[in-house]
Amino acid sequence: MCLLLTGSPINTLLNMWAESPKKKLRDDFKIIACASFHALDVLVSEDRHTLLSPLVIEACKKVNNRNKLVSPTFFSLIDFLARIEAHKNVK
């Protein structure tokens, strides 16, 4: 995310927090679309309210199946790091 360095930092943060839920969802779906289009295996996020929500993941899978795209596997950052650590310990 790019923040402008002009103006009050408080106003910048307030403007970011005031963004509409539709825009947030649209941005999340763009992230998922890019990951799917580029056939990424994994999508890692800490956004449990939208990006990692079961409804969003299910919608992603339906759209990707319809368009013959592979859906990435969704992980929270903690779960992803735990899997990496577990994989290190196997070797």
N, C-alpha and C. Protein backbone atom coordinates (compact mmCIF):
# COMPACT_ATOMS: atom_id res chain seq x y z
N MET A 1 0.84 -1.16 0.00
CA MET A 1 0.00 0.00 0.00
C MET A 1 0.89 1.23 0.00
N CYS A 2 0.54 2.19 -0.77
CA CYS A 2 1.33 3.41 -0.89
C CYS A 2 0.59 4.55 -0.19
N LEU A 3 1.24 5.16 0.75
CA LEU A 3 0.65 6.32 1.43
C LEU A 3 1.34 7.59 0.97
N LEU A 4 0.56 8.61 0.74
CA LEU A 4 1.14 9.90 0.41
C LEU A 4 1.76 10.50 1.66
N LEU A 5 2.90 11.13 1.52
CA LEU A 5 3.58 11.71 2.66
C LEU A 5 3.19 13.15 2.90
N THR A 6 2.21 13.64 2.18
CA THR A 6 1.75 15.02 2.39
C THR A 6 0.50 15.00 3.23
N GLY A 7 0.25 16.08 3.94
CA GLY A 7 -0.95 16.16 4.76
C GLY A 7 -0.76 15.46 6.10
N SER A 8 -1.80 15.46 6.87
CA SER A 8 -1.76 14.88 8.20
C SER A 8 -1.80 13.35 8.15
N PRO A 9 -0.88 12.68 8.86
CA PRO A 9 -0.92 11.21 8.90
C PRO A 9 -2.23 10.71 9.51
N ILE A 10 -2.80 11.44 10.46
CA ILE A 10 -4.06 11.03 11.06
C ILE A 10 -5.18 11.05 10.01
N ASN A 11 -5.22 12.10 9.19
CA ASN A 11 -6.25 12.16 8.14
C ASN A 11 -6.07 11.04 7.14
N THR A 12 -4.83 10.72 6.81
CA THR A 12 -4.56 9.62 5.87
C THR A 12 -5.09 8.32 6.44
N LEU A 13 -4.82 8.05 7.72
CA LEU A 13 -5.31 6.82 8.34
C LEU A 13 -6.83 6.80 8.42
N LEU A 14 -7.43 7.91 8.80
CA LEU A 14 -8.89 7.98 8.88
C LEU A 14 -9.52 7.73 7.51
N ASN A 15 -8.93 8.28 6.47
CA ASN A 15 -9.45 8.05 5.12
C ASN A 15 -9.33 6.58 4.73
N MET A 16 -8.22 5.93 5.11
CA MET A 16 -8.05 4.51 4.80
C MET A 16 -9.11 3.68 5.52
N TRP A 17 -9.37 3.97 6.81
CA TRP A 17 -10.33 3.20 7.59
C TRP A 17 -11.75 3.45 7.13
N ALA A 18 -12.01 4.56 6.49
CA ALA A 18 -13.36 4.89 6.04
C ALA A 18 -13.70 4.27 4.69
N GLU A 19 -12.75 3.51 4.11
CA GLU A 19 -13.00 2.94 2.80
C GLU A 19 -14.20 1.99 2.87
N SER A 20 -14.96 1.96 1.80
CA SER A 20 -16.19 1.18 1.79
C SER A 20 -15.91 -0.31 1.76
N PRO A 21 -16.80 -1.13 2.35
CA PRO A 21 -16.64 -2.58 2.31
C PRO A 21 -16.63 -3.12 0.88
N LYS A 22 -17.39 -2.52 -0.03
CA LYS A 22 -17.40 -2.99 -1.41
C LYS A 22 -16.02 -2.85 -2.05
N LYS A 23 -15.36 -1.72 -1.80
CA LYS A 23 -14.02 -1.52 -2.35
C LYS A 23 -13.04 -2.54 -1.75
N LYS A 24 -13.17 -2.82 -0.47
CA LYS A 24 -12.30 -3.79 0.19
C LYS A 24 -12.49 -5.16 -0.43
N LEU A 25 -13.74 -5.56 -0.62
CA LEU A 25 -13.99 -6.85 -1.25
C LEU A 25 -13.49 -6.89 -2.68
N ARG A 26 -13.68 -5.81 -3.41
CA ARG A 26 -13.21 -5.74 -4.79
C ARG A 26 -11.69 -5.92 -4.82
N ASP A 27 -10.99 -5.26 -3.91
CA ASP A 27 -9.53 -5.38 -3.85
C ASP A 27 -9.11 -6.81 -3.50
N ASP A 28 -9.83 -7.42 -2.56
CA ASP A 28 -9.52 -8.80 -2.19
C ASP A 28 -9.73 -9.75 -3.37
N PHE A 29 -10.82 -9.54 -4.11
CA PHE A 29 -11.06 -10.40 -5.27
C PHE A 29 -10.02 -10.18 -6.36
N LYS A 30 -9.48 -8.98 -6.46
CA LYS A 30 -8.40 -8.74 -7.42
C LYS A 30 -7.15 -9.54 -7.02
N ILE A 31 -6.88 -9.58 -5.73
CA ILE A 31 -5.74 -10.37 -5.24
C ILE A 31 -5.93 -11.84 -5.58
N ILE A 32 -7.13 -12.35 -5.31
CA ILE A 32 -7.42 -13.75 -5.60
C ILE A 32 -7.36 -14.01 -7.10
N ALA A 33 -7.88 -13.10 -7.90
CA ALA A 33 -7.87 -13.27 -9.35
C ALA A 33 -6.44 -13.32 -9.88
N CYS A 34 -5.58 -12.45 -9.39
CA CYS A 34 -4.18 -12.46 -9.82
C CYS A 34 -3.50 -13.77 -9.43
N ALA A 35 -3.74 -14.21 -8.20
CA ALA A 35 -3.15 -15.47 -7.74
C ALA A 35 -3.64 -16.64 -8.59
N SER A 36 -4.91 -16.64 -8.93
CA SER A 36 -5.48 -17.72 -9.74
C SER A 36 -4.97 -17.66 -11.17
N PHE A 37 -4.96 -16.48 -11.75
CA PHE A 37 -4.51 -16.32 -13.14
C PHE A 37 -3.07 -16.76 -13.31
N HIS A 38 -2.25 -16.45 -12.31
CA HIS A 38 -0.83 -16.80 -12.39
C HIS A 38 -0.53 -18.17 -11.78
N ALA A 39 -1.58 -18.92 -11.46
CA ALA A 39 -1.48 -20.28 -10.95
C ALA A 39 -0.59 -20.39 -9.71
N LEU A 40 -0.75 -19.43 -8.79
CA LEU A 40 0.01 -19.50 -7.55
C LEU A 40 -0.59 -20.60 -6.67
N ASP A 41 0.27 -21.33 -6.00
CA ASP A 41 -0.19 -22.44 -5.16
C ASP A 41 -0.80 -21.96 -3.86
N VAL A 42 -0.29 -20.85 -3.34
CA VAL A 42 -0.63 -20.43 -1.99
C VAL A 42 -0.99 -18.94 -1.98
N LEU A 43 -1.97 -18.60 -1.15
CA LEU A 43 -2.30 -17.21 -0.89
C LEU A 43 -2.30 -17.05 0.63
N VAL A 44 -1.45 -16.17 1.14
CA VAL A 44 -1.29 -15.97 2.58
C VAL A 44 -1.84 -14.60 2.96
N SER A 45 -2.65 -14.58 4.00
CA SER A 45 -3.25 -13.32 4.45
C SER A 45 -3.57 -13.41 5.93
N GLU A 46 -3.71 -12.25 6.54
CA GLU A 46 -4.19 -12.18 7.92
C GLU A 46 -5.60 -11.62 7.97
N ASP A 47 -6.22 -11.44 6.83
CA ASP A 47 -7.55 -10.86 6.73
C ASP A 47 -8.61 -11.96 6.83
N ARG A 48 -8.97 -12.30 8.06
CA ARG A 48 -9.95 -13.38 8.28
C ARG A 48 -11.38 -12.93 8.00
N HIS A 49 -11.63 -11.63 7.95
CA HIS A 49 -12.99 -11.14 7.73
C HIS A 49 -13.41 -11.24 6.28
N THR A 50 -12.49 -11.06 5.37
CA THR A 50 -12.87 -11.16 3.95
C THR A 50 -12.01 -12.19 3.22
N LEU A 51 -10.75 -11.95 3.07
CA LEU A 51 -9.92 -12.79 2.21
C LEU A 51 -9.89 -14.25 2.66
N LEU A 52 -9.88 -14.51 3.95
CA LEU A 52 -9.83 -15.89 4.44
C LEU A 52 -11.19 -16.41 4.89
N SER A 53 -12.25 -15.67 4.62
CA SER A 53 -13.57 -16.14 5.06
C SER A 53 -14.01 -17.32 4.19
N PRO A 54 -14.69 -18.28 4.78
CA PRO A 54 -15.15 -19.45 4.01
C PRO A 54 -16.02 -19.07 2.81
N LEU A 55 -16.85 -18.03 2.94
CA LEU A 55 -17.70 -17.63 1.82
C LEU A 55 -16.88 -17.12 0.64
N VAL A 56 -15.85 -16.33 0.92
CA VAL A 56 -15.00 -15.81 -0.15
C VAL A 56 -14.22 -16.94 -0.81
N ILE A 57 -13.69 -17.85 0.01
CA ILE A 57 -12.92 -18.98 -0.54
C ILE A 57 -13.82 -19.86 -1.41
N GLU A 58 -15.04 -20.11 -0.95
CA GLU A 58 -15.99 -20.92 -1.73
C GLU A 58 -16.34 -20.23 -3.04
N ALA A 59 -16.59 -18.92 -2.99
CA ALA A 59 -16.90 -18.16 -4.22
C ALA A 59 -15.73 -18.21 -5.19
N CYS A 60 -14.53 -18.08 -4.65
CA CYS A 60 -13.32 -18.14 -5.49
C CYS A 60 -13.24 -19.49 -6.21
N LYS A 61 -13.47 -20.56 -5.47
CA LYS A 61 -13.38 -21.90 -6.07
C LYS A 61 -14.43 -22.08 -7.16
N LYS A 62 -15.65 -21.58 -6.93
CA LYS A 62 -16.71 -21.71 -7.93
C LYS A 62 -16.36 -20.95 -9.21
N VAL A 63 -15.89 -19.72 -9.05
CA VAL A 63 -15.53 -18.90 -10.22
C VAL A 63 -14.34 -19.52 -10.95
N ASN A 64 -13.34 -19.98 -10.20
CA ASN A 64 -12.17 -20.58 -10.83
C ASN A 64 -12.53 -21.87 -11.55
N ASN A 65 -13.40 -22.69 -10.96
CA ASN A 65 -13.83 -23.92 -11.64
C ASN A 65 -14.54 -23.59 -12.94
N ARG A 66 -15.40 -22.58 -12.90
CA ARG A 66 -16.14 -22.18 -14.09
C ARG A 66 -15.18 -21.70 -15.19
N ASN A 67 -14.08 -21.07 -14.79
CA ASN A 67 -13.11 -20.53 -15.76
C ASN A 67 -11.90 -21.44 -15.96
N LYS A 68 -11.99 -22.66 -15.42
CA LYS A 68 -10.93 -23.66 -15.58
C LYS A 68 -9.58 -23.15 -15.04
N LEU A 69 -9.64 -22.49 -13.88
CA LEU A 69 -8.44 -22.03 -13.19
C LEU A 69 -8.29 -22.80 -11.88
N VAL A 70 -7.07 -22.97 -11.46
CA VAL A 70 -6.80 -23.64 -10.20
C VAL A 70 -6.83 -22.61 -9.08
N SER A 71 -7.53 -22.91 -8.01
CA SER A 71 -7.61 -22.00 -6.87
C SER A 71 -6.39 -22.19 -5.97
N PRO A 72 -5.84 -21.10 -5.47
CA PRO A 72 -4.73 -21.24 -4.53
C PRO A 72 -5.25 -21.81 -3.21
N THR A 73 -4.34 -22.35 -2.42
CA THR A 73 -4.68 -22.77 -1.06
C THR A 73 -4.52 -21.55 -0.17
N PHE A 74 -5.52 -21.26 0.63
CA PHE A 74 -5.52 -20.09 1.49
C PHE A 74 -4.97 -20.43 2.87
N PHE A 75 -4.06 -19.60 3.36
CA PHE A 75 -3.47 -19.79 4.69
C PHE A 75 -3.42 -18.46 5.43
N SER A 76 -3.58 -18.53 6.74
CA SER A 76 -3.23 -17.37 7.56
C SER A 76 -1.71 -17.38 7.66
N LEU A 77 -1.13 -16.26 8.02
CA LEU A 77 0.33 -16.19 8.12
C LEU A 77 0.86 -17.17 9.15
N ILE A 78 0.19 -17.28 10.29
CA ILE A 78 0.65 -18.19 11.34
C ILE A 78 0.60 -19.64 10.86
N ASP A 79 -0.49 -20.03 10.20
CA ASP A 79 -0.59 -21.39 9.68
C ASP A 79 0.47 -21.67 8.62
N PHE A 80 0.71 -20.71 7.77
CA PHE A 80 1.72 -20.88 6.72
C PHE A 80 3.12 -21.05 7.32
N LEU A 81 3.45 -20.19 8.28
CA LEU A 81 4.76 -20.29 8.93
C LEU A 81 4.90 -21.61 9.68
N ALA A 82 3.83 -22.08 10.30
CA ALA A 82 3.86 -23.37 11.00
C ALA A 82 4.13 -24.50 10.02
N ARG A 83 3.53 -24.45 8.85
CA ARG A 83 3.77 -25.49 7.83
C ARG A 83 5.21 -25.46 7.34
N ILE A 84 5.75 -24.27 7.17
CA ILE A 84 7.15 -24.16 6.75
C ILE A 84 8.06 -24.75 7.83
N GLU A 85 7.80 -24.42 9.06
CA GLU A 85 8.61 -24.94 10.18
C GLU A 85 8.49 -26.45 10.27
N ALA A 86 7.29 -26.99 10.10
CA ALA A 86 7.10 -28.43 10.14
C ALA A 86 7.85 -29.11 9.00
N HIS A 87 7.85 -28.47 7.83
CA HIS A 87 8.56 -29.03 6.68
C HIS A 87 10.08 -29.04 6.94
N LYS A 88 10.58 -28.00 7.60
CA LYS A 88 12.02 -27.95 7.94
C LYS A 88 12.39 -29.10 8.87
N ASN A 89 11.51 -29.42 9.81
CA ASN A 89 11.80 -30.44 10.80
C ASN A 89 11.73 -31.86 10.22
N VAL A 90 11.07 -32.02 9.09
CA VAL A 90 10.96 -33.34 8.45
C VAL A 90 12.28 -33.73 7.81
N LYS A 91 13.00 -32.75 7.29
CA LYS A 91 14.24 -33.04 6.57
C LYS A 91 15.37 -33.34 7.47
